[in-house]
Amino acid sequence: MFRSALPLACIGLVLLSAPALAEPARNLGITVAPLGAYVLQGSEEVGRTVGYSAGLGWAYRKPGAVLEVGGHLASSRHLTEVTPMAVRVVPLGDTRVRPFLGVGASLLVPHSRPQPAPDALGSRVLQVGFELCGGVGLELGENLFLSAEARYQNFSARGNPFSGERQHLRSTFLGLG
């Protein structure tokens, strides 16, 4: 009887202590940004592409931390751009208003080529680059926040990600999470 009671007591102790070890559910923030605009600027001969975009963003941060990991996916009629992971600094920590600055790696996939002449979307299918982002989140309620974000992304216009021929994507988004 004592041999079976000891394993049962250990299992019961683990089950009772598991909720104490769990992190709060507020660590992951998902943002839906239906209002976005972008400007993709290539070299002088190819010009620029302008449009509206919608996006989905995410961020993971432990309570009290000044660093978070986030990313986003945004798409429009002309392009889709994604930053799977960016590291962001949140200097004010757990406050109602949370500004942030971040850096990450980005991918750009053009959808359409509206004219036969070269345009800012380039001729490649997948373009690799980096992102600088900044924004602010405003907590409206316990599980609701407003988010505004601006991004600067720099992509290679050639096969080599370190090519000197670059494209610049500037975008802004307003969302709710």
N, C-alpha and C. Protein backbone atom coordinates (compact mmCIF):
# COMPACT_ATOMS: atom_id res chain seq x y z
N MET A 1 0.82 -1.19 0.00
CA MET A 1 0.00 0.00 0.00
C MET A 1 0.86 1.25 0.00
N PHE A 2 1.96 1.25 0.80
CA PHE A 2 2.84 2.41 0.88
C PHE A 2 3.55 2.65 -0.45
N ARG A 3 3.88 1.55 -1.19
CA ARG A 3 4.58 1.69 -2.47
C ARG A 3 3.70 2.40 -3.51
N SER A 4 2.42 2.18 -3.55
CA SER A 4 1.55 2.85 -4.52
C SER A 4 1.15 4.24 -4.05
N ALA A 5 1.19 4.50 -2.77
CA ALA A 5 0.82 5.81 -2.24
C ALA A 5 1.89 6.86 -2.55
N LEU A 6 3.15 6.48 -2.53
CA LEU A 6 4.23 7.42 -2.79
C LEU A 6 4.20 7.95 -4.22
N PRO A 7 4.09 7.09 -5.25
CA PRO A 7 3.98 7.64 -6.62
C PRO A 7 2.72 8.49 -6.81
N LEU A 8 1.60 8.11 -6.23
CA LEU A 8 0.38 8.91 -6.33
C LEU A 8 0.55 10.27 -5.66
N ALA A 9 1.23 10.28 -4.53
CA ALA A 9 1.47 11.56 -3.84
C ALA A 9 2.38 12.46 -4.68
N CYS A 10 3.39 11.87 -5.32
CA CYS A 10 4.28 12.66 -6.18
C CYS A 10 3.53 13.23 -7.38
N ILE A 11 2.69 12.43 -8.00
CA ILE A 11 1.90 12.90 -9.14
C ILE A 11 0.94 14.00 -8.69
N GLY A 12 0.30 13.84 -7.56
CA GLY A 12 -0.60 14.87 -7.04
C GLY A 12 0.13 16.16 -6.73
N LEU A 13 1.35 16.07 -6.19
CA LEU A 13 2.13 17.26 -5.89
C LEU A 13 2.51 18.01 -7.17
N VAL A 14 2.89 17.26 -8.22
CA VAL A 14 3.22 17.88 -9.51
C VAL A 14 2.00 18.56 -10.10
N LEU A 15 0.85 17.91 -10.06
CA LEU A 15 -0.37 18.50 -10.61
C LEU A 15 -0.79 19.75 -9.84
N LEU A 16 -0.62 19.76 -8.54
CA LEU A 16 -0.99 20.93 -7.76
C LEU A 16 -0.02 22.09 -7.97
N SER A 17 1.25 21.78 -8.24
CA SER A 17 2.22 22.85 -8.41
C SER A 17 2.30 23.36 -9.85
N ALA A 18 1.76 22.63 -10.81
CA ALA A 18 1.85 23.04 -12.22
C ALA A 18 1.22 24.41 -12.50
N PRO A 19 0.03 24.74 -11.98
CA PRO A 19 -0.50 26.07 -12.26
C PRO A 19 0.38 27.20 -11.71
N ALA A 20 1.10 26.96 -10.63
CA ALA A 20 1.98 27.97 -10.07
C ALA A 20 3.18 28.22 -10.99
N LEU A 21 3.60 27.23 -11.76
CA LEU A 21 4.73 27.38 -12.65
C LEU A 21 4.34 27.99 -13.99
N ALA A 22 3.06 28.00 -14.32
CA ALA A 22 2.60 28.49 -15.63
C ALA A 22 2.72 30.02 -15.69
N GLU A 23 3.08 30.53 -16.86
CA GLU A 23 3.16 31.97 -17.10
C GLU A 23 1.76 32.52 -17.32
N PRO A 24 1.55 33.79 -17.04
CA PRO A 24 0.25 34.40 -17.33
C PRO A 24 -0.02 34.40 -18.83
N ALA A 25 -1.31 34.39 -19.20
CA ALA A 25 -1.71 34.30 -20.60
C ALA A 25 -1.45 35.60 -21.36
N ARG A 26 -1.11 36.70 -20.68
CA ARG A 26 -0.94 38.00 -21.34
C ARG A 26 0.44 38.16 -21.98
N ASN A 27 1.26 37.13 -22.05
CA ASN A 27 2.59 37.25 -22.63
C ASN A 27 2.57 37.37 -24.15
N LEU A 28 1.57 36.80 -24.79
CA LEU A 28 1.48 36.81 -26.25
C LEU A 28 0.43 37.81 -26.68
N GLY A 29 0.84 38.76 -27.51
CA GLY A 29 -0.09 39.75 -28.03
C GLY A 29 -0.26 39.57 -29.53
N ILE A 30 -1.48 39.50 -30.00
CA ILE A 30 -1.79 39.39 -31.42
C ILE A 30 -2.48 40.69 -31.84
N THR A 31 -2.01 41.28 -32.93
CA THR A 31 -2.56 42.53 -33.41
C THR A 31 -3.10 42.35 -34.82
N VAL A 32 -4.32 42.77 -35.06
CA VAL A 32 -4.90 42.80 -36.39
C VAL A 32 -4.87 44.26 -36.83
N ALA A 33 -4.17 44.51 -37.96
CA ALA A 33 -4.00 45.88 -38.45
C ALA A 33 -4.65 46.02 -39.82
N PRO A 34 -5.94 46.38 -39.86
CA PRO A 34 -6.61 46.51 -41.16
C PRO A 34 -6.26 47.80 -41.90
N LEU A 35 -5.66 48.77 -41.21
CA LEU A 35 -5.31 50.04 -41.82
C LEU A 35 -3.80 50.16 -41.96
N GLY A 36 -3.33 50.05 -43.18
CA GLY A 36 -1.90 50.17 -43.44
C GLY A 36 -1.65 50.82 -44.78
N ALA A 37 -0.52 51.49 -44.89
CA ALA A 37 -0.12 52.11 -46.14
C ALA A 37 1.38 51.89 -46.32
N TYR A 38 1.83 51.80 -47.58
CA TYR A 38 3.25 51.57 -47.83
C TYR A 38 3.71 52.33 -49.06
N VAL A 39 5.02 52.56 -49.12
CA VAL A 39 5.69 53.12 -50.28
C VAL A 39 6.93 52.27 -50.50
N LEU A 40 7.03 51.64 -51.67
CA LEU A 40 8.20 50.84 -52.04
C LEU A 40 8.97 51.64 -53.08
N GLN A 41 10.20 52.02 -52.74
CA GLN A 41 11.02 52.85 -53.59
C GLN A 41 12.20 52.04 -54.10
N GLY A 42 12.34 51.98 -55.42
CA GLY A 42 13.49 51.32 -56.04
C GLY A 42 14.47 52.37 -56.52
N SER A 43 15.31 52.01 -57.48
CA SER A 43 16.24 52.98 -58.05
C SER A 43 15.45 54.00 -58.87
N GLU A 44 16.13 55.07 -59.30
CA GLU A 44 15.44 56.16 -60.02
C GLU A 44 14.76 55.69 -61.30
N GLU A 45 15.36 54.75 -62.02
CA GLU A 45 14.77 54.32 -63.28
C GLU A 45 13.55 53.42 -63.11
N VAL A 46 13.40 52.76 -61.96
CA VAL A 46 12.23 51.89 -61.78
C VAL A 46 11.12 52.56 -60.98
N GLY A 47 11.42 53.64 -60.27
CA GLY A 47 10.36 54.40 -59.60
C GLY A 47 9.90 53.80 -58.29
N ARG A 48 8.61 54.00 -58.01
CA ARG A 48 8.07 53.55 -56.74
C ARG A 48 6.68 52.96 -56.91
N THR A 49 6.28 52.17 -55.93
CA THR A 49 4.95 51.58 -55.87
C THR A 49 4.33 52.00 -54.55
N VAL A 50 3.08 52.46 -54.58
CA VAL A 50 2.38 52.95 -53.40
C VAL A 50 1.08 52.17 -53.28
N GLY A 51 0.66 51.89 -52.04
CA GLY A 51 -0.60 51.18 -51.88
C GLY A 51 -1.05 51.07 -50.43
N TYR A 52 -2.18 50.41 -50.27
CA TYR A 52 -2.74 50.14 -48.95
C TYR A 52 -2.52 48.69 -48.62
N SER A 53 -2.41 48.39 -47.33
CA SER A 53 -2.08 47.04 -46.90
C SER A 53 -2.81 46.73 -45.60
N ALA A 54 -2.94 45.45 -45.31
CA ALA A 54 -3.49 44.97 -44.03
C ALA A 54 -2.49 43.99 -43.46
N GLY A 55 -2.45 43.88 -42.14
CA GLY A 55 -1.44 43.03 -41.53
C GLY A 55 -1.90 42.32 -40.29
N LEU A 56 -1.06 41.39 -39.86
CA LEU A 56 -1.24 40.64 -38.64
C LEU A 56 0.10 40.63 -37.93
N GLY A 57 0.12 41.05 -36.67
CA GLY A 57 1.37 41.11 -35.92
C GLY A 57 1.29 40.29 -34.66
N TRP A 58 2.45 39.95 -34.11
CA TRP A 58 2.51 39.19 -32.87
C TRP A 58 3.72 39.65 -32.08
N ALA A 59 3.63 39.50 -30.77
CA ALA A 59 4.73 39.85 -29.87
C ALA A 59 4.66 38.96 -28.64
N TYR A 60 5.82 38.55 -28.17
CA TYR A 60 5.89 37.74 -26.95
C TYR A 60 6.85 38.43 -25.99
N ARG A 61 6.38 38.67 -24.78
CA ARG A 61 7.20 39.34 -23.77
C ARG A 61 6.83 38.82 -22.40
N LYS A 62 7.85 38.55 -21.58
CA LYS A 62 7.59 38.16 -20.20
C LYS A 62 7.25 39.41 -19.40
N PRO A 63 6.40 39.29 -18.40
CA PRO A 63 6.06 40.46 -17.57
C PRO A 63 7.31 41.06 -16.95
N GLY A 64 7.41 42.38 -17.02
CA GLY A 64 8.54 43.08 -16.44
C GLY A 64 9.77 43.18 -17.32
N ALA A 65 9.79 42.48 -18.45
CA ALA A 65 10.96 42.47 -19.33
C ALA A 65 10.97 43.72 -20.21
N VAL A 66 12.18 44.13 -20.60
CA VAL A 66 12.31 45.27 -21.50
C VAL A 66 12.61 44.82 -22.94
N LEU A 67 12.72 43.52 -23.17
CA LEU A 67 12.90 42.97 -24.51
C LEU A 67 11.71 42.08 -24.85
N GLU A 68 11.32 42.11 -26.11
CA GLU A 68 10.28 41.21 -26.59
C GLU A 68 10.66 40.70 -27.97
N VAL A 69 10.06 39.60 -28.35
CA VAL A 69 10.25 39.02 -29.68
C VAL A 69 8.92 39.16 -30.40
N GLY A 70 8.96 39.69 -31.60
CA GLY A 70 7.72 39.88 -32.35
C GLY A 70 7.93 39.66 -33.83
N GLY A 71 6.90 39.89 -34.58
CA GLY A 71 6.96 39.76 -36.02
C GLY A 71 5.64 40.19 -36.62
N HIS A 72 5.55 40.11 -37.93
CA HIS A 72 4.31 40.49 -38.60
C HIS A 72 4.26 39.90 -40.00
N LEU A 73 3.07 39.93 -40.54
CA LEU A 73 2.79 39.55 -41.93
C LEU A 73 1.85 40.61 -42.46
N ALA A 74 2.21 41.22 -43.59
CA ALA A 74 1.35 42.24 -44.20
C ALA A 74 1.23 41.95 -45.68
N SER A 75 0.04 42.18 -46.22
CA SER A 75 -0.19 41.88 -47.62
C SER A 75 -1.06 42.96 -48.25
N SER A 76 -0.80 43.19 -49.53
CA SER A 76 -1.59 44.13 -50.32
C SER A 76 -1.81 43.52 -51.70
N ARG A 77 -2.35 44.30 -52.59
CA ARG A 77 -2.60 43.82 -53.94
C ARG A 77 -1.28 43.55 -54.68
N HIS A 78 -0.24 44.30 -54.37
CA HIS A 78 1.02 44.20 -55.09
C HIS A 78 2.08 43.33 -54.43
N LEU A 79 2.05 43.20 -53.10
CA LEU A 79 3.15 42.50 -52.42
C LEU A 79 2.72 41.93 -51.08
N THR A 80 3.51 40.97 -50.62
CA THR A 80 3.40 40.44 -49.26
C THR A 80 4.76 40.56 -48.63
N GLU A 81 4.81 41.08 -47.43
CA GLU A 81 6.07 41.16 -46.71
C GLU A 81 5.88 40.57 -45.33
N VAL A 82 6.92 39.88 -44.86
CA VAL A 82 6.86 39.21 -43.58
C VAL A 82 8.17 39.37 -42.84
N THR A 83 8.07 39.60 -41.57
CA THR A 83 9.22 39.56 -40.67
C THR A 83 8.88 38.49 -39.64
N PRO A 84 9.45 37.29 -39.82
CA PRO A 84 9.09 36.21 -38.90
C PRO A 84 9.53 36.47 -37.47
N MET A 85 10.66 37.18 -37.30
CA MET A 85 11.11 37.45 -35.94
C MET A 85 11.91 38.75 -35.90
N ALA A 86 11.53 39.61 -34.99
CA ALA A 86 12.25 40.85 -34.72
C ALA A 86 12.44 40.96 -33.21
N VAL A 87 13.56 41.50 -32.81
CA VAL A 87 13.83 41.75 -31.39
C VAL A 87 13.51 43.22 -31.13
N ARG A 88 12.69 43.46 -30.13
CA ARG A 88 12.23 44.82 -29.83
C ARG A 88 12.60 45.21 -28.41
N VAL A 89 12.95 46.46 -28.23
CA VAL A 89 13.21 47.02 -26.90
C VAL A 89 11.97 47.79 -26.48
N VAL A 90 11.45 47.45 -25.30
CA VAL A 90 10.28 48.11 -24.72
C VAL A 90 10.78 48.80 -23.45
N PRO A 91 11.27 50.05 -23.55
CA PRO A 91 11.96 50.67 -22.43
C PRO A 91 11.11 50.92 -21.18
N LEU A 92 9.81 51.10 -21.34
CA LEU A 92 8.97 51.40 -20.18
C LEU A 92 8.41 50.16 -19.50
N GLY A 93 8.63 48.97 -20.07
CA GLY A 93 8.16 47.74 -19.44
C GLY A 93 6.65 47.63 -19.40
N ASP A 94 6.11 47.25 -18.24
CA ASP A 94 4.68 47.00 -18.08
C ASP A 94 3.92 48.28 -17.73
N THR A 95 3.77 49.16 -18.68
CA THR A 95 2.98 50.36 -18.47
C THR A 95 1.79 50.35 -19.42
N ARG A 96 0.89 51.26 -19.23
CA ARG A 96 -0.29 51.32 -20.09
C ARG A 96 0.07 51.75 -21.51
N VAL A 97 1.03 52.65 -21.64
CA VAL A 97 1.55 53.08 -22.93
C VAL A 97 2.92 52.46 -23.09
N ARG A 98 3.09 51.64 -24.16
CA ARG A 98 4.34 50.90 -24.35
C ARG A 98 4.97 51.21 -25.71
N PRO A 99 5.90 52.17 -25.76
CA PRO A 99 6.63 52.39 -27.01
C PRO A 99 7.68 51.30 -27.21
N PHE A 100 8.07 51.05 -28.46
CA PHE A 100 9.10 50.06 -28.73
C PHE A 100 9.90 50.44 -29.97
N LEU A 101 11.12 49.91 -30.03
CA LEU A 101 12.01 50.00 -31.18
C LEU A 101 12.54 48.61 -31.43
N GLY A 102 12.66 48.21 -32.72
CA GLY A 102 13.11 46.86 -33.00
C GLY A 102 13.87 46.73 -34.30
N VAL A 103 14.47 45.56 -34.47
CA VAL A 103 15.22 45.21 -35.67
C VAL A 103 14.97 43.73 -35.97
N GLY A 104 14.88 43.40 -37.26
CA GLY A 104 14.64 42.01 -37.64
C GLY A 104 14.97 41.76 -39.10
N ALA A 105 14.83 40.52 -39.51
CA ALA A 105 15.05 40.12 -40.91
C ALA A 105 13.70 40.00 -41.60
N SER A 106 13.62 40.47 -42.86
CA SER A 106 12.35 40.51 -43.60
C SER A 106 12.45 39.81 -44.94
N LEU A 107 11.28 39.38 -45.41
CA LEU A 107 11.14 38.78 -46.74
C LEU A 107 10.05 39.54 -47.48
N LEU A 108 10.24 39.73 -48.79
CA LEU A 108 9.28 40.42 -49.64
C LEU A 108 8.96 39.55 -50.84
N VAL A 109 7.67 39.36 -51.11
CA VAL A 109 7.22 38.58 -52.26
C VAL A 109 6.29 39.46 -53.09
N PRO A 110 6.73 39.91 -54.29
CA PRO A 110 5.84 40.69 -55.16
C PRO A 110 4.76 39.79 -55.76
N HIS A 111 3.54 40.33 -55.92
CA HIS A 111 2.43 39.56 -56.49
C HIS A 111 2.24 39.81 -57.96
N SER A 112 2.31 41.08 -58.35
CA SER A 112 1.92 41.41 -59.72
C SER A 112 2.92 42.37 -60.33
N ARG A 113 2.94 42.38 -61.63
CA ARG A 113 3.74 43.32 -62.40
C ARG A 113 2.77 44.08 -63.32
N PRO A 114 2.31 45.28 -62.92
CA PRO A 114 1.26 45.95 -63.68
C PRO A 114 1.68 46.40 -65.08
N GLN A 115 2.97 46.60 -65.34
CA GLN A 115 3.39 47.02 -66.66
C GLN A 115 4.59 46.19 -67.11
N PRO A 116 4.84 46.09 -68.42
CA PRO A 116 5.96 45.30 -68.90
C PRO A 116 7.31 45.94 -68.57
N ALA A 117 7.36 47.26 -68.38
CA ALA A 117 8.61 47.92 -68.02
C ALA A 117 8.96 47.61 -66.57
N PRO A 118 10.24 47.67 -66.21
CA PRO A 118 10.62 47.40 -64.81
C PRO A 118 9.95 48.39 -63.86
N ASP A 119 9.58 47.91 -62.70
CA ASP A 119 9.00 48.77 -61.68
C ASP A 119 9.70 48.50 -60.35
N ALA A 120 9.24 49.16 -59.29
CA ALA A 120 9.88 49.04 -57.99
C ALA A 120 9.75 47.64 -57.39
N LEU A 121 8.82 46.83 -57.89
CA LEU A 121 8.68 45.48 -57.36
C LEU A 121 9.82 44.57 -57.79
N GLY A 122 10.56 44.94 -58.82
CA GLY A 122 11.70 44.14 -59.24
C GLY A 122 11.28 42.92 -60.04
N SER A 123 12.27 42.09 -60.38
CA SER A 123 11.99 40.92 -61.20
C SER A 123 12.13 39.63 -60.41
N ARG A 124 12.56 39.68 -59.17
CA ARG A 124 12.76 38.48 -58.37
C ARG A 124 11.48 38.07 -57.66
N VAL A 125 11.37 36.79 -57.34
CA VAL A 125 10.20 36.28 -56.65
C VAL A 125 10.29 36.51 -55.15
N LEU A 126 11.47 36.28 -54.57
CA LEU A 126 11.66 36.43 -53.12
C LEU A 126 12.83 37.37 -52.89
N GLN A 127 12.60 38.40 -52.10
CA GLN A 127 13.65 39.36 -51.79
C GLN A 127 13.89 39.35 -50.29
N VAL A 128 15.16 39.38 -49.89
CA VAL A 128 15.57 39.29 -48.50
C VAL A 128 16.11 40.64 -48.06
N GLY A 129 15.82 41.03 -46.83
CA GLY A 129 16.32 42.30 -46.32
C GLY A 129 16.22 42.39 -44.82
N PHE A 130 16.36 43.61 -44.30
CA PHE A 130 16.25 43.81 -42.86
C PHE A 130 15.20 44.88 -42.58
N GLU A 131 14.79 44.94 -41.31
CA GLU A 131 13.72 45.85 -40.90
C GLU A 131 14.14 46.61 -39.66
N LEU A 132 13.79 47.87 -39.63
CA LEU A 132 13.82 48.70 -38.44
C LEU A 132 12.38 49.10 -38.18
N CYS A 133 11.91 48.93 -36.95
CA CYS A 133 10.52 49.25 -36.66
C CYS A 133 10.42 50.03 -35.35
N GLY A 134 9.37 50.78 -35.25
CA GLY A 134 9.07 51.52 -34.04
C GLY A 134 7.58 51.69 -33.93
N GLY A 135 7.11 51.80 -32.73
CA GLY A 135 5.68 51.95 -32.55
C GLY A 135 5.32 52.16 -31.10
N VAL A 136 4.03 52.16 -30.88
CA VAL A 136 3.52 52.34 -29.53
C VAL A 136 2.23 51.53 -29.39
N GLY A 137 2.07 50.93 -28.23
CA GLY A 137 0.85 50.22 -27.89
C GLY A 137 0.17 50.93 -26.74
N LEU A 138 -1.13 51.08 -26.81
CA LEU A 138 -1.91 51.74 -25.76
C LEU A 138 -2.94 50.76 -25.25
N GLU A 139 -2.82 50.40 -23.98
CA GLU A 139 -3.75 49.44 -23.37
C GLU A 139 -5.08 50.14 -23.11
N LEU A 140 -6.14 49.60 -23.73
CA LEU A 140 -7.48 50.16 -23.57
C LEU A 140 -8.28 49.46 -22.49
N GLY A 141 -7.97 48.22 -22.26
CA GLY A 141 -8.66 47.41 -21.26
C GLY A 141 -7.77 46.25 -20.88
N GLU A 142 -8.31 45.31 -20.11
CA GLU A 142 -7.50 44.19 -19.66
C GLU A 142 -6.96 43.34 -20.81
N ASN A 143 -7.76 43.07 -21.82
CA ASN A 143 -7.33 42.24 -22.95
C ASN A 143 -7.46 42.96 -24.29
N LEU A 144 -7.38 44.29 -24.28
CA LEU A 144 -7.57 45.06 -25.51
C LEU A 144 -6.55 46.18 -25.57
N PHE A 145 -5.90 46.34 -26.72
CA PHE A 145 -4.94 47.43 -26.88
C PHE A 145 -4.97 47.94 -28.32
N LEU A 146 -4.58 49.20 -28.47
CA LEU A 146 -4.47 49.87 -29.75
C LEU A 146 -2.98 49.94 -30.09
N SER A 147 -2.64 49.68 -31.34
CA SER A 147 -1.24 49.64 -31.73
C SER A 147 -1.02 50.48 -32.99
N ALA A 148 0.05 51.27 -32.98
CA ALA A 148 0.48 52.03 -34.14
C ALA A 148 1.94 51.69 -34.38
N GLU A 149 2.29 51.37 -35.63
CA GLU A 149 3.65 50.93 -35.92
C GLU A 149 4.11 51.51 -37.25
N ALA A 150 5.37 51.89 -37.30
CA ALA A 150 6.01 52.35 -38.53
C ALA A 150 7.21 51.45 -38.78
N ARG A 151 7.44 51.11 -40.05
CA ARG A 151 8.53 50.21 -40.41
C ARG A 151 9.34 50.78 -41.56
N TYR A 152 10.63 50.53 -41.51
CA TYR A 152 11.51 50.81 -42.63
C TYR A 152 12.18 49.48 -42.96
N GLN A 153 12.02 49.02 -44.20
CA GLN A 153 12.62 47.77 -44.63
C GLN A 153 13.48 48.03 -45.86
N ASN A 154 14.62 47.37 -45.92
CA ASN A 154 15.56 47.53 -47.01
C ASN A 154 15.81 46.16 -47.60
N PHE A 155 15.46 45.99 -48.90
CA PHE A 155 15.56 44.69 -49.56
C PHE A 155 16.56 44.75 -50.71
N SER A 156 17.16 43.63 -50.99
CA SER A 156 18.02 43.50 -52.15
C SER A 156 17.16 43.40 -53.40
N ALA A 157 17.56 44.08 -54.46
CA ALA A 157 16.82 44.00 -55.72
C ALA A 157 17.41 42.92 -56.62
N ARG A 158 18.46 42.27 -56.19
CA ARG A 158 19.13 41.22 -56.97
C ARG A 158 19.14 39.92 -56.17
N GLY A 159 19.77 38.89 -56.73
CA GLY A 159 19.84 37.58 -56.06
C GLY A 159 20.68 37.58 -54.80
N ASN A 160 21.68 38.44 -54.71
CA ASN A 160 22.55 38.51 -53.56
C ASN A 160 21.93 39.43 -52.51
N PRO A 161 21.70 38.96 -51.26
CA PRO A 161 21.10 39.83 -50.25
C PRO A 161 21.98 41.02 -49.88
N PHE A 162 23.29 40.95 -50.22
CA PHE A 162 24.21 42.05 -49.91
C PHE A 162 24.48 42.93 -51.13
N SER A 163 23.67 42.80 -52.16
CA SER A 163 23.82 43.58 -53.38
C SER A 163 23.69 45.07 -53.09
N GLY A 164 24.41 45.88 -53.87
CA GLY A 164 24.33 47.32 -53.71
C GLY A 164 23.04 47.92 -54.25
N GLU A 165 22.34 47.20 -55.14
CA GLU A 165 21.07 47.69 -55.66
C GLU A 165 19.97 47.31 -54.67
N ARG A 166 19.39 48.32 -54.02
CA ARG A 166 18.46 48.10 -52.92
C ARG A 166 17.10 48.71 -53.22
N GLN A 167 16.10 48.23 -52.50
CA GLN A 167 14.74 48.78 -52.51
C GLN A 167 14.41 49.15 -51.07
N HIS A 168 13.64 50.20 -50.89
CA HIS A 168 13.27 50.66 -49.57
C HIS A 168 11.75 50.63 -49.44
N LEU A 169 11.28 49.94 -48.41
CA LEU A 169 9.84 49.85 -48.14
C LEU A 169 9.56 50.58 -46.83
N ARG A 170 8.73 51.60 -46.90
CA ARG A 170 8.29 52.32 -45.70
C ARG A 170 6.80 52.10 -45.54
N SER A 171 6.40 51.71 -44.33
CA SER A 171 4.98 51.41 -44.11
C SER A 171 4.55 51.84 -42.71
N THR A 172 3.26 52.08 -42.57
CA THR A 172 2.66 52.42 -41.29
C THR A 172 1.38 51.59 -41.14
N PHE A 173 1.10 51.19 -39.91
CA PHE A 173 -0.07 50.37 -39.63
C PHE A 173 -0.73 50.82 -38.33
N LEU A 174 -2.05 50.73 -38.31
CA LEU A 174 -2.84 50.99 -37.12
C LEU A 174 -3.69 49.74 -36.89
N GLY A 175 -3.62 49.21 -35.68
CA GLY A 175 -4.32 47.96 -35.41
C GLY A 175 -4.87 47.87 -34.01
N LEU A 176 -5.56 46.78 -33.77
CA LEU A 176 -6.21 46.49 -32.50
C LEU A 176 -5.86 45.07 -32.11
N GLY A 177 -5.56 44.86 -30.85
CA GLY A 177 -5.18 43.53 -30.40
C GLY A 177 -5.80 43.14 -29.09
